[in-house]
Amino acid sequence: MTGGLIAIVITLIVVGGISLSTTAYFTLQRHRADAVAMAGYRKLAEEAVANQSALQAELKELSGRVAAVEALLRSVDE
């Protein structure tokens, strides 16, 4: 009776270890996929910031040109 109980306990420990290892492996794979996705989002965010800075500089330049044209029109109108 004791030998059978020991065999069952050992079998349960082995099955539990295999189950835990499998679960840990797939959890690790999911975290790796999430890390890759986050790296892609980070790159996209950096590109968005760079594009926004370029647009802001272009808008500033265009505002200066519009101000110069307005000043020219005011001087011609007077």
N, C-alpha and C. Protein backbone atom coordinates (compact mmCIF):
# COMPACT_ATOMS: atom_id res chain seq x y z
N MET A 1 0.80 -1.19 0.00
CA MET A 1 0.00 0.00 0.00
C MET A 1 0.85 1.26 0.00
N THR A 2 1.92 1.26 0.76
CA THR A 2 2.78 2.43 0.83
C THR A 2 3.53 2.64 -0.47
N GLY A 3 3.95 1.55 -1.11
CA GLY A 3 4.67 1.66 -2.37
C GLY A 3 3.78 2.25 -3.46
N GLY A 4 2.50 1.88 -3.48
CA GLY A 4 1.55 2.42 -4.45
C GLY A 4 1.32 3.90 -4.22
N LEU A 5 1.23 4.31 -2.97
CA LEU A 5 1.02 5.72 -2.63
C LEU A 5 2.23 6.55 -3.03
N ILE A 6 3.42 6.02 -2.81
CA ILE A 6 4.64 6.73 -3.20
C ILE A 6 4.70 6.88 -4.71
N ALA A 7 4.30 5.86 -5.45
CA ALA A 7 4.31 5.93 -6.91
C ALA A 7 3.32 6.98 -7.41
N ILE A 8 2.15 7.03 -6.78
CA ILE A 8 1.15 8.04 -7.17
C ILE A 8 1.67 9.45 -6.89
N VAL A 9 2.28 9.64 -5.73
CA VAL A 9 2.81 10.96 -5.36
C VAL A 9 3.92 11.38 -6.34
N ILE A 10 4.81 10.45 -6.65
CA ILE A 10 5.89 10.77 -7.59
C ILE A 10 5.32 11.11 -8.96
N THR A 11 4.32 10.36 -9.40
CA THR A 11 3.68 10.64 -10.69
C THR A 11 3.03 12.02 -10.68
N LEU A 12 2.34 12.35 -9.62
CA LEU A 12 1.71 13.68 -9.51
C LEU A 12 2.75 14.80 -9.52
N ILE A 13 3.86 14.59 -8.85
CA ILE A 13 4.92 15.60 -8.82
C ILE A 13 5.49 15.80 -10.22
N VAL A 14 5.73 14.70 -10.94
CA VAL A 14 6.28 14.80 -12.30
C VAL A 14 5.29 15.50 -13.23
N VAL A 15 4.03 15.11 -13.17
CA VAL A 15 3.00 15.73 -14.02
C VAL A 15 2.84 17.21 -13.66
N GLY A 16 2.87 17.52 -12.39
CA GLY A 16 2.78 18.92 -11.96
C GLY A 16 3.97 19.73 -12.45
N GLY A 17 5.16 19.16 -12.39
CA GLY A 17 6.35 19.85 -12.89
C GLY A 17 6.29 20.10 -14.38
N ILE A 18 5.84 19.10 -15.12
CA ILE A 18 5.70 19.26 -16.58
C ILE A 18 4.65 20.31 -16.90
N SER A 19 3.54 20.29 -16.18
CA SER A 19 2.48 21.29 -16.41
C SER A 19 2.98 22.69 -16.09
N LEU A 20 3.68 22.83 -15.00
CA LEU A 20 4.21 24.14 -14.61
C LEU A 20 5.23 24.64 -15.62
N SER A 21 6.09 23.76 -16.10
CA SER A 21 7.09 24.14 -17.10
C SER A 21 6.43 24.57 -18.40
N THR A 22 5.42 23.84 -18.83
CA THR A 22 4.71 24.19 -20.07
C THR A 22 4.02 25.54 -19.93
N THR A 23 3.37 25.75 -18.82
CA THR A 23 2.69 27.03 -18.58
C THR A 23 3.69 28.18 -18.56
N ALA A 24 4.81 27.98 -17.89
CA ALA A 24 5.83 29.02 -17.82
C ALA A 24 6.40 29.32 -19.21
N TYR A 25 6.59 28.29 -20.02
CA TYR A 25 7.12 28.49 -21.37
C TYR A 25 6.19 29.35 -22.22
N PHE A 26 4.90 29.01 -22.21
CA PHE A 26 3.95 29.77 -23.03
C PHE A 26 3.75 31.18 -22.49
N THR A 27 3.85 31.36 -21.19
CA THR A 27 3.79 32.71 -20.62
C THR A 27 4.99 33.54 -21.07
N LEU A 28 6.16 32.92 -21.09
CA LEU A 28 7.36 33.60 -21.57
C LEU A 28 7.21 33.99 -23.03
N GLN A 29 6.67 33.10 -23.85
CA GLN A 29 6.48 33.41 -25.28
C GLN A 29 5.51 34.58 -25.45
N ARG A 30 4.46 34.63 -24.64
CA ARG A 30 3.50 35.73 -24.73
C ARG A 30 4.17 37.05 -24.34
N HIS A 31 5.01 37.02 -23.31
CA HIS A 31 5.71 38.25 -22.90
C HIS A 31 6.70 38.70 -23.97
N ARG A 32 7.34 37.76 -24.63
CA ARG A 32 8.25 38.12 -25.71
C ARG A 32 7.50 38.78 -26.85
N ALA A 33 6.34 38.25 -27.20
CA ALA A 33 5.52 38.85 -28.27
C ALA A 33 5.06 40.24 -27.87
N ASP A 34 4.70 40.42 -26.60
CA ASP A 34 4.30 41.74 -26.12
C ASP A 34 5.47 42.72 -26.18
N ALA A 35 6.66 42.25 -25.88
CA ALA A 35 7.84 43.12 -25.92
C ALA A 35 8.12 43.57 -27.35
N VAL A 36 7.95 42.67 -28.31
CA VAL A 36 8.16 43.04 -29.71
C VAL A 36 7.13 44.07 -30.14
N ALA A 37 5.88 43.87 -29.73
CA ALA A 37 4.82 44.83 -30.07
C ALA A 37 5.10 46.18 -29.44
N MET A 38 5.55 46.19 -28.20
CA MET A 38 5.85 47.45 -27.53
C MET A 38 7.01 48.17 -28.20
N ALA A 39 7.99 47.44 -28.68
CA ALA A 39 9.10 48.06 -29.40
C ALA A 39 8.58 48.70 -30.68
N GLY A 40 7.66 48.05 -31.35
CA GLY A 40 7.06 48.63 -32.56
C GLY A 40 6.29 49.90 -32.23
N TYR A 41 5.52 49.88 -31.14
CA TYR A 41 4.77 51.07 -30.73
C TYR A 41 5.71 52.20 -30.35
N ARG A 42 6.81 51.87 -29.69
CA ARG A 42 7.78 52.89 -29.30
C ARG A 42 8.39 53.55 -30.52
N LYS A 43 8.73 52.74 -31.52
CA LYS A 43 9.29 53.28 -32.75
C LYS A 43 8.27 54.16 -33.46
N LEU A 44 7.03 53.74 -33.48
CA LEU A 44 5.98 54.54 -34.10
C LEU A 44 5.79 55.86 -33.37
N ALA A 45 5.86 55.83 -32.05
CA ALA A 45 5.72 57.06 -31.26
C ALA A 45 6.89 58.00 -31.52
N GLU A 46 8.10 57.46 -31.63
CA GLU A 46 9.26 58.31 -31.92
C GLU A 46 9.14 58.96 -33.30
N GLU A 47 8.65 58.20 -34.28
CA GLU A 47 8.44 58.76 -35.62
C GLU A 47 7.37 59.85 -35.59
N ALA A 48 6.32 59.64 -34.81
CA ALA A 48 5.25 60.63 -34.70
C ALA A 48 5.79 61.93 -34.09
N VAL A 49 6.63 61.81 -33.09
CA VAL A 49 7.21 63.00 -32.46
C VAL A 49 8.11 63.74 -33.45
N ALA A 50 8.91 63.00 -34.21
CA ALA A 50 9.78 63.63 -35.20
C ALA A 50 8.96 64.32 -36.27
N ASN A 51 7.91 63.67 -36.74
CA ASN A 51 7.05 64.28 -37.75
C ASN A 51 6.36 65.51 -37.21
N GLN A 52 5.93 65.46 -35.97
CA GLN A 52 5.27 66.60 -35.36
C GLN A 52 6.24 67.78 -35.24
N SER A 53 7.47 67.51 -34.88
CA SER A 53 8.47 68.59 -34.78
C SER A 53 8.73 69.21 -36.14
N ALA A 54 8.80 68.37 -37.19
CA ALA A 54 9.02 68.89 -38.53
C ALA A 54 7.83 69.73 -38.99
N LEU A 55 6.64 69.28 -38.70
CA LEU A 55 5.45 70.05 -39.07
C LEU A 55 5.38 71.36 -38.31
N GLN A 56 5.78 71.33 -37.06
CA GLN A 56 5.77 72.55 -36.26
C GLN A 56 6.76 73.57 -36.82
N ALA A 57 7.93 73.13 -37.24
CA ALA A 57 8.92 74.03 -37.82
C ALA A 57 8.41 74.59 -39.15
N GLU A 58 7.78 73.75 -39.95
CA GLU A 58 7.24 74.22 -41.24
C GLU A 58 6.10 75.21 -41.02
N LEU A 59 5.27 74.97 -40.03
CA LEU A 59 4.19 75.89 -39.72
C LEU A 59 4.73 77.23 -39.25
N LYS A 60 5.80 77.20 -38.48
CA LYS A 60 6.42 78.44 -38.02
C LYS A 60 6.96 79.24 -39.20
N GLU A 61 7.59 78.53 -40.15
CA GLU A 61 8.11 79.19 -41.34
C GLU A 61 6.97 79.79 -42.17
N LEU A 62 5.91 79.06 -42.34
CA LEU A 62 4.77 79.56 -43.11
C LEU A 62 4.10 80.74 -42.42
N SER A 63 4.05 80.72 -41.11
CA SER A 63 3.48 81.85 -40.37
C SER A 63 4.31 83.11 -40.61
N GLY A 64 5.63 82.96 -40.64
CA GLY A 64 6.50 84.10 -40.93
C GLY A 64 6.27 84.64 -42.33
N ARG A 65 6.09 83.74 -43.29
CA ARG A 65 5.83 84.18 -44.67
C ARG A 65 4.49 84.90 -44.78
N VAL A 66 3.47 84.37 -44.12
CA VAL A 66 2.16 85.02 -44.14
C VAL A 66 2.24 86.40 -43.51
N ALA A 67 2.97 86.53 -42.43
CA ALA A 67 3.13 87.83 -41.78
C ALA A 67 3.83 88.80 -42.72
N ALA A 68 4.82 88.32 -43.47
CA ALA A 68 5.52 89.19 -44.42
C ALA A 68 4.59 89.62 -45.55
N VAL A 69 3.78 88.71 -46.04
CA VAL A 69 2.83 89.05 -47.11
C VAL A 69 1.79 90.04 -46.58
N GLU A 70 1.31 89.85 -45.39
CA GLU A 70 0.35 90.79 -44.80
C GLU A 70 0.97 92.18 -44.66
N ALA A 71 2.22 92.22 -44.21
CA ALA A 71 2.90 93.52 -44.08
C ALA A 71 3.05 94.16 -45.44
N LEU A 72 3.37 93.38 -46.46
CA LEU A 72 3.50 93.92 -47.82
C LEU A 72 2.16 94.45 -48.31
N LEU A 73 1.09 93.71 -48.08
CA LEU A 73 -0.23 94.17 -48.50
C LEU A 73 -0.66 95.43 -47.75
N ARG A 74 -0.35 95.52 -46.50
CA ARG A 74 -0.69 96.73 -45.73
C ARG A 74 0.10 97.93 -46.25
N SER A 75 1.36 97.72 -46.60
CA SER A 75 2.16 98.84 -47.09
C SER A 75 1.69 99.28 -48.47
N VAL A 76 1.20 98.37 -49.29
CA VAL A 76 0.68 98.73 -50.63
C VAL A 76 -0.67 99.42 -50.48
N ASP A 77 -1.46 99.00 -49.53
CA ASP A 77 -2.80 99.52 -49.32
C ASP A 77 -2.76 100.94 -48.81
N GLU A 78 -1.76 101.28 -48.08
CA GLU A 78 -1.69 102.62 -47.48
C GLU A 78 -1.26 103.65 -48.42
